[in-house]
């Protein structure tokens, strides 16, 4: 049965809005999001009451068990007092999160330096440390690996990832003779890094080219990081294009930007949350009321990386 309120035009020319079971479309969307958030809050409260460990998943073929939620490294360098950054990292480890994200270039190296200080006093042994490098040449990559090791105050990095694979030429540069991959493989053989992956947040096609280039060089990545969130399914989807390939190849999946850096719930003019406004717009364009939430598979959901 169709009911109407002000918002959609009827035969008489009045502007009315369709109601579903006595609820307008906007009210339906708001109720759905509120219920999702309430359910999540209930699960968190239960976890707090039982002091349960953060669930862990196996990272691809590595056999490593990493927490389903990781601590993003970009914002770790932004606190005014570095002691606060250290407390955040140690609290995460004490609470069962063992996957730590970082990058050679975050906050000019401050994120790695603060994490290195937090990993003293036995905390390093409890952490799975991932950091990223930007170097595309062997020389630049080798230098950045050494700098990251020094800042993190460790003799090895658990997972090193090539950062921001966002240009079509990046895969060829990384795998070229004298390219960054040579430095990563040499560091791995020397015991300075354990696993190798890559990240990117621009185009699924570039991710696929990186994987194809790796295949051509008979190289198997241990992990791939990409955006996976509620809106991914609607446009140029990593979840649709890349995720099935990673599952088939048994490559560890690292999902980042689960909340789109907060943009999905950001307030828009008029007070409506960003995700609600966008879903409403999509519904108008498609002429229905369906929303498809993308599936994010794999282990170690990671946030905090720059756009």
Foldseek 3Di string as FASTA:
>chain_A
DWDWAAACQDPVGGHIFTADPNHGLLRVVVVVVVVVVVVVVVVVVVCVVVLDAQAWDQFFPPRDTFGQAEEAQQCLQVDPDLVVSLVVVVVCLVSHHAEYEEELPRPPNSSLLSQLVSCPPPNVVSHQAEYEYAFFFCVRLLVSLVSSCVSNVHQAHAEYAHEALPDLCSLCSQPDVRTNVVNVVVCCVVRRYPFYYYEHEHALVSVVSNVVSCVVVVHDHQEYEYAAEFCQVPPRHCLVRPVVVCVVSRHAYAHECHCVLVQLQDADPVGHGNVSVVLVVVCVVVVHSDGGGGDGDGGHHYYDDDD
